[in-house]
């Protein structure tokens, strides 16, 4: 009960920040956490009720992070449909797979098929950020019947991008900034101490942000997050083997790819190229935004997603 109270208070604090930065001023709704037992893992979900039959599911990025950094920025999307945040297998409050080999993109995608059946949903609209886009694309290609529409935000396209992040970070942050980031990480590339998440989010600077938000916003992003180093390490290895270009032709759902015009992590031209590969892909670029456009341009982001999903 104490934990839920803290989560609610954190959500209210984030909501106030969102309003100050231009997010929707719609009244707050109480989120409903639910753990759903599947065949090999239990997935943690958080649902915001809304009208309509087709639910909107949200997948976080990372790997190693969970859904909490996406709230309350995406919460206004529940005004048009039920909104369901999902912690992927091994992430956040979801359980890890029984074997290390279970940290695989197809297995994570198969979890979502099971979850849809458990929830009694024939099809969903899926919104995925960063690493979550790799799982969303895998799901859309292998289980097209599950996806009605797809929104990919600053998406991971292929392993080449993952391998380029270190070089791009060093160029963008300079030697001092790069050294500061490295000091937070283990030799395996995972975070040494989950309490340093705000330092990481702040230190990423130009890699993530067009204009870094306030310290209060960054602290709020990590306040209730559960960082999982095992998921970080294992899924990062899987991400380096991923290539959306081998799946794109099989994705039949209409897809919207959104990028911030100042994203140095997964660059706009890379996101545009992915949209052009998708048979029914569209590309939308948000001005004055980096790798988390839903935080820097929340109203424009929600408007673009709502227009696409309601078409």
Protein backbone atom coordinates (compact mmCIF):
# COMPACT_ATOMS: atom_id res chain seq x y z
CA UNK A 1 0.00 0.00 0.00
CA UNK A 2 2.82 2.40 0.86
CA UNK A 3 4.48 1.68 -2.50
CA UNK A 4 1.26 2.39 -4.37
CA UNK A 5 0.84 5.66 -2.49
CA UNK A 6 4.34 6.67 -3.45
CA UNK A 7 3.66 5.75 -7.09
CA UNK A 8 0.48 7.82 -7.07
CA UNK A 9 2.25 10.80 -5.55
CA UNK A 10 5.05 10.48 -8.10
CA UNK A 11 2.46 10.35 -10.87
CA UNK A 12 0.76 13.49 -9.60
CA UNK A 13 4.10 15.29 -9.40
CA UNK A 14 4.93 14.25 -12.95
CA UNK A 15 1.50 15.39 -14.08
CA UNK A 16 2.18 18.86 -12.75
CA UNK A 17 5.48 18.94 -14.60
CA UNK A 18 3.76 17.81 -17.79
CA UNK A 19 1.23 20.63 -17.56
CA UNK A 20 4.00 23.19 -17.07
CA UNK A 21 5.75 21.88 -20.20
CA UNK A 22 2.60 21.98 -22.32
CA UNK A 23 1.11 18.50 -21.95
CA UNK A 24 -2.62 17.93 -21.97
CA UNK A 25 -4.45 19.36 -18.96
CA UNK A 26 -7.00 16.52 -18.96
CA UNK A 27 -7.97 15.39 -15.46
CA UNK A 28 -5.77 12.67 -13.97
CA UNK A 29 -7.11 9.11 -13.90
CA UNK A 30 -6.14 6.41 -11.48
CA UNK A 31 -3.88 3.79 -13.05
CA UNK A 32 -4.58 0.11 -12.36
CA UNK A 33 -1.53 -2.15 -11.93
CA UNK A 34 -1.97 -5.81 -12.83
CA UNK A 35 0.40 -8.76 -13.02
CA UNK A 36 -0.55 -11.30 -15.69
CA UNK A 37 0.86 -14.81 -15.46
CA UNK A 38 1.88 -16.30 -18.82
CA UNK A 39 3.48 -19.64 -19.64
CA UNK A 40 7.07 -18.72 -18.78
CA UNK A 41 6.95 -15.22 -17.26
CA UNK A 42 4.64 -12.82 -15.44
CA UNK A 43 4.20 -9.45 -17.11
CA UNK A 44 3.50 -6.30 -15.10
CA UNK A 45 1.02 -3.93 -16.71
CA UNK A 46 -0.47 -0.58 -15.73
CA UNK A 47 -3.79 0.35 -17.32
CA UNK A 48 -5.47 3.72 -17.63
CA UNK A 49 -9.15 3.23 -18.51
CA UNK A 50 -10.55 4.95 -21.56
CA UNK A 51 -13.36 4.73 -24.12
CA UNK A 52 -13.32 2.61 -27.24
CA UNK A 53 -12.70 -1.07 -27.91
CA UNK A 54 -9.14 -1.11 -29.27
CA UNK A 55 -6.63 -0.65 -26.47
CA UNK A 56 -3.39 1.23 -26.92
CA UNK A 57 -0.38 -0.61 -25.52
CA UNK A 58 2.92 1.09 -24.76
CA UNK A 59 6.36 -0.55 -24.81
CA UNK A 60 9.32 1.10 -23.12
CA UNK A 61 12.86 1.45 -24.42
CA UNK A 62 16.15 0.55 -22.83
CA UNK A 63 16.98 -2.21 -22.49
CA UNK A 64 17.04 -2.38 -18.69
CA UNK A 65 14.50 0.40 -18.10
CA UNK A 66 10.75 0.06 -17.51
CA UNK A 67 7.55 1.87 -18.42
CA UNK A 68 7.71 4.49 -15.67
CA UNK A 69 9.78 7.08 -17.59
CA UNK A 70 6.97 7.26 -20.17
CA UNK A 71 4.48 8.58 -17.64
CA UNK A 72 2.67 10.88 -17.48
CA UNK A 73 3.74 12.06 -20.91
CA UNK A 74 1.72 9.40 -22.76
CA UNK A 75 -1.15 9.30 -20.26
CA UNK A 76 -3.31 11.76 -22.27
CA UNK A 77 -3.60 9.09 -24.98
CA UNK A 78 -6.08 7.32 -22.67
CA UNK A 79 -8.65 10.04 -23.41
CA UNK A 80 -9.46 8.21 -26.65
CA UNK A 81 -8.89 4.54 -25.70
CA UNK A 82 -7.71 2.32 -22.86
CA UNK A 83 -3.95 2.75 -22.40
CA UNK A 84 -1.83 -0.17 -21.19
CA UNK A 85 1.83 0.20 -20.20
CA UNK A 86 3.76 -3.07 -20.31
CA UNK A 87 7.03 -3.98 -18.60
CA UNK A 88 8.70 -6.42 -21.00
CA UNK A 89 9.99 -9.78 -19.73
CA UNK A 90 12.81 -9.33 -17.26
CA UNK A 91 12.19 -5.57 -17.03
CA UNK A 92 10.77 -3.47 -14.24
CA UNK A 93 8.24 -5.46 -12.22
CA UNK A 94 7.92 -8.30 -14.74
CA UNK A 95 9.68 -11.58 -13.99
CA UNK A 96 12.78 -12.73 -15.88
CA UNK A 97 12.73 -15.73 -18.22
CA UNK A 98 13.81 -19.01 -16.60
CA UNK A 99 16.86 -19.27 -18.88
CA UNK A 100 19.29 -16.66 -20.21
CA UNK A 101 18.32 -17.74 -23.74
CA UNK A 102 14.86 -16.37 -22.99
CA UNK A 103 16.11 -12.81 -23.36
CA UNK A 104 15.21 -12.92 -27.05
CA UNK A 105 13.13 -10.56 -29.16
CA UNK A 106 10.82 -13.27 -30.57
CA UNK A 107 10.09 -14.53 -27.05
CA UNK A 108 9.27 -11.02 -25.84
CA UNK A 109 6.99 -10.59 -28.85
CA UNK A 110 5.29 -13.93 -28.15
CA UNK A 111 4.60 -12.73 -24.59
CA UNK A 112 2.50 -9.92 -26.03
CA UNK A 113 0.42 -12.39 -28.06
CA UNK A 114 -0.27 -14.34 -24.87
CA UNK A 115 -1.03 -11.15 -22.99
CA UNK A 116 -3.57 -10.08 -25.62
CA UNK A 117 -5.30 -13.45 -25.33
CA UNK A 118 -5.29 -13.26 -21.54
CA UNK A 119 -6.88 -9.82 -21.73
CA UNK A 120 -9.43 -10.95 -24.31
CA UNK A 121 -8.21 -8.48 -26.95
CA UNK A 122 -8.32 -9.51 -30.61
CA UNK A 123 -6.13 -6.63 -31.79
CA UNK A 124 -4.33 -3.64 -30.33
CA UNK A 125 -2.68 -0.38 -31.29
CA UNK A 126 0.97 -0.60 -30.24
CA UNK A 127 3.19 2.37 -29.34
CA UNK A 128 6.86 1.57 -28.81
CA UNK A 129 9.89 3.68 -27.95
CA UNK A 130 13.56 3.02 -28.74
CA UNK A 131 14.44 -0.64 -28.02
CA UNK A 132 10.74 -1.47 -27.62
CA UNK A 133 10.31 -0.78 -31.34
CA UNK A 134 12.42 -3.85 -32.17
CA UNK A 135 9.97 -6.03 -30.26
CA UNK A 136 7.00 -4.21 -31.78
CA UNK A 137 8.31 -4.82 -35.30
CA UNK A 138 9.02 -8.47 -34.51
CA UNK A 139 5.45 -8.85 -33.22
CA UNK A 140 3.92 -7.06 -36.21
CA UNK A 141 5.86 -9.23 -38.68
CA UNK A 142 5.31 -12.59 -36.97
CA UNK A 143 1.80 -12.06 -35.57
CA UNK A 144 0.14 -9.51 -37.88
CA UNK A 145 -3.33 -10.42 -36.62
CA UNK A 146 -2.55 -8.82 -33.25
CA UNK A 147 -1.63 -5.34 -34.50
CA UNK A 148 -4.17 -2.87 -35.87
CA UNK A 149 -1.81 0.12 -36.02
CA UNK A 150 1.80 0.69 -35.02
CA UNK A 151 3.56 3.81 -33.68
CA UNK A 152 7.36 3.66 -33.46
CA UNK A 153 9.04 6.48 -31.54
CA UNK A 154 12.78 7.09 -32.04
CA UNK A 155 12.94 3.42 -33.03
CA UNK A 156 15.86 1.02 -32.94
CA UNK A 157 16.30 -0.02 -36.55
CA UNK A 158 19.34 -2.29 -36.50
CA UNK A 159 22.45 -3.37 -34.63
CA UNK A 160 24.58 -0.88 -36.54
CA UNK A 161 22.87 1.92 -34.61
CA UNK A 162 23.58 0.21 -31.30
CA UNK A 163 27.26 -0.12 -32.14
CA UNK A 164 27.38 3.53 -33.25
CA UNK A 165 26.00 4.92 -29.98
CA UNK A 166 29.39 4.92 -28.19
CA UNK A 167 31.08 6.81 -31.01
CA UNK A 168 28.20 9.26 -31.34
CA UNK A 169 28.13 9.85 -27.59
CA UNK A 170 31.83 10.57 -27.47
CA UNK A 171 31.50 13.07 -30.30
CA UNK A 172 28.42 14.77 -28.82
CA UNK A 173 29.47 14.86 -25.15
CA UNK A 174 33.20 15.44 -25.49
CA UNK A 175 35.84 13.52 -23.61
CA UNK A 176 34.79 14.81 -20.17
CA UNK A 177 31.12 14.03 -20.72
CA UNK A 178 31.92 10.62 -22.16
CA UNK A 179 34.17 9.81 -19.19
CA UNK A 180 31.39 10.81 -16.79
CA UNK A 181 28.97 8.40 -18.48
CA UNK A 182 31.55 5.63 -18.49
CA UNK A 183 32.13 6.08 -14.76
CA UNK A 184 28.52 5.07 -14.13
CA UNK A 185 28.84 1.79 -16.03
CA UNK A 186 30.34 -1.63 -15.42
CA UNK A 187 32.78 -3.20 -17.91
CA UNK A 188 29.76 -5.09 -19.30
CA UNK A 189 28.02 -1.80 -20.04
CA UNK A 190 25.32 -2.06 -17.36
CA UNK A 191 24.66 0.56 -14.72
CA UNK A 192 26.73 0.19 -11.54
CA UNK A 193 24.10 1.65 -9.23
CA UNK A 194 20.40 2.17 -10.06
CA UNK A 195 20.46 5.29 -7.88
CA UNK A 196 22.61 6.96 -10.53
CA UNK A 197 19.81 6.88 -13.12
CA UNK A 198 19.16 10.64 -12.79
CA UNK A 199 22.87 11.30 -13.32
CA UNK A 200 22.75 9.12 -16.42
CA UNK A 201 19.64 10.81 -17.82
CA UNK A 202 21.18 14.21 -17.17
CA UNK A 203 24.65 13.27 -18.38
CA UNK A 204 23.40 11.98 -21.72
CA UNK A 205 22.80 15.62 -22.60
CA UNK A 206 22.86 16.19 -26.34
CA UNK A 207 22.41 12.49 -27.03
CA UNK A 208 18.90 12.57 -25.56
CA UNK A 209 17.80 16.17 -25.35
CA UNK A 210 17.32 19.14 -27.65
CA UNK A 211 17.21 21.21 -24.48
CA UNK A 212 17.75 19.31 -21.21
CA UNK A 213 14.71 19.55 -18.91
CA UNK A 214 14.81 20.65 -15.30
CA UNK A 215 16.48 18.54 -12.63
CA UNK A 216 13.03 17.97 -11.12
CA UNK A 217 11.79 16.39 -14.36
CA UNK A 218 14.83 14.14 -14.61
CA UNK A 219 14.55 13.09 -10.97
CA UNK A 220 10.87 12.30 -11.50
CA UNK A 221 11.67 10.11 -14.55
CA UNK A 222 13.68 7.73 -12.37
CA UNK A 223 11.82 7.99 -9.07
CA UNK A 224 9.85 4.73 -9.34
CA UNK A 225 11.93 2.97 -11.97
CA UNK A 226 13.31 -0.51 -11.38
CA UNK A 227 16.48 -0.86 -13.42
CA UNK A 228 17.31 -4.49 -14.32
CA UNK A 229 20.96 -5.08 -15.31
CA UNK A 230 20.36 -8.66 -16.51
CA UNK A 231 17.76 -7.47 -18.99
CA UNK A 232 20.07 -4.65 -20.03
CA UNK A 233 23.01 -6.93 -20.77
CA UNK A 234 21.11 -9.79 -22.42
CA UNK A 235 18.71 -7.77 -24.52
CA UNK A 236 21.50 -5.40 -25.59
CA UNK A 237 23.25 -8.40 -27.09
CA UNK A 238 20.02 -9.35 -28.86
CA UNK A 239 19.57 -5.78 -30.13
CA UNK A 240 22.99 -5.85 -31.76
CA UNK A 241 21.82 -8.79 -33.88
CA UNK A 242 18.52 -7.15 -34.83
CA UNK A 243 17.83 -5.75 -38.29
CA UNK A 244 14.38 -4.34 -38.99
CA UNK A 245 15.18 -4.26 -42.69
CA UNK A 246 14.72 -8.04 -42.81
CA UNK A 247 11.24 -7.73 -41.25
CA UNK A 248 9.88 -4.54 -42.76
CA UNK A 249 8.27 -6.08 -45.84
CA UNK A 250 6.24 -8.43 -43.61
CA UNK A 251 4.70 -5.64 -41.51
CA UNK A 252 1.21 -5.13 -42.91
CA UNK A 253 -0.16 -2.78 -40.25
CA UNK A 254 -0.21 0.95 -40.96
CA UNK A 255 2.80 2.40 -39.12
CA UNK A 256 3.76 5.88 -37.98
CA UNK A 257 7.43 6.53 -37.27
CA UNK A 258 8.07 9.58 -35.06
CA UNK A 259 11.45 11.22 -34.56
CA UNK A 260 12.73 14.35 -32.89
CA UNK A 261 14.61 16.54 -35.34
CA UNK A 262 17.54 16.75 -32.91
CA UNK A 263 17.82 13.07 -31.93
CA UNK A 264 21.50 12.13 -31.94
CA UNK A 265 20.93 8.60 -30.62
CA UNK A 266 18.83 7.18 -33.46
CA UNK A 267 19.00 9.94 -36.03
CA UNK A 268 15.97 11.30 -37.92
CA UNK A 269 17.28 10.16 -41.29
CA UNK A 270 17.51 6.61 -39.94
CA UNK A 271 13.92 6.74 -38.68
CA UNK A 272 12.73 8.18 -41.99
CA UNK A 273 14.49 5.37 -43.86
CA UNK A 274 12.70 2.81 -41.67
CA UNK A 275 9.32 4.43 -42.39
CA UNK A 276 10.05 4.23 -46.12
CA UNK A 277 10.79 0.50 -45.83
CA UNK A 278 7.46 -0.28 -44.18
CA UNK A 279 4.73 -1.07 -46.75
CA UNK A 280 2.28 1.28 -45.03
CA UNK A 281 4.74 3.52 -43.22
CA UNK A 282 4.51 7.24 -42.56
CA UNK A 283 7.12 9.53 -41.07
CA UNK A 284 6.53 12.44 -38.71
CA UNK A 285 9.27 14.67 -37.34
CA UNK A 286 8.84 16.87 -34.26
CA UNK A 287 10.79 20.10 -34.13
CA UNK A 288 12.95 21.07 -31.15
CA UNK A 289 12.99 17.55 -29.74
CA UNK A 290 15.56 14.84 -29.14
CA UNK A 291 15.34 11.15 -28.31
CA UNK A 292 12.33 11.58 -26.00
CA UNK A 293 10.03 13.82 -28.05
CA UNK A 294 7.03 13.01 -25.85
CA UNK A 295 8.76 14.87 -22.99
CA UNK A 296 10.08 17.85 -24.94
CA UNK A 297 7.02 18.29 -27.18
CA UNK A 298 4.21 16.48 -25.32
CA UNK A 299 1.22 18.26 -26.86
CA UNK A 300 2.50 17.90 -30.44
CA UNK A 301 3.39 14.26 -29.79
CA UNK A 302 -0.04 13.33 -28.40
CA UNK A 303 -1.76 15.17 -31.23
CA UNK A 304 0.24 13.31 -33.91
CA UNK A 305 -0.43 9.90 -32.34
CA UNK A 306 -4.13 10.57 -31.81
CA UNK A 307 -4.58 11.75 -35.41
CA UNK A 308 -2.87 8.63 -36.75
CA UNK A 309 -4.64 6.11 -34.51
CA UNK A 310 -8.07 7.65 -35.04
CA UNK A 311 -7.83 7.69 -38.84
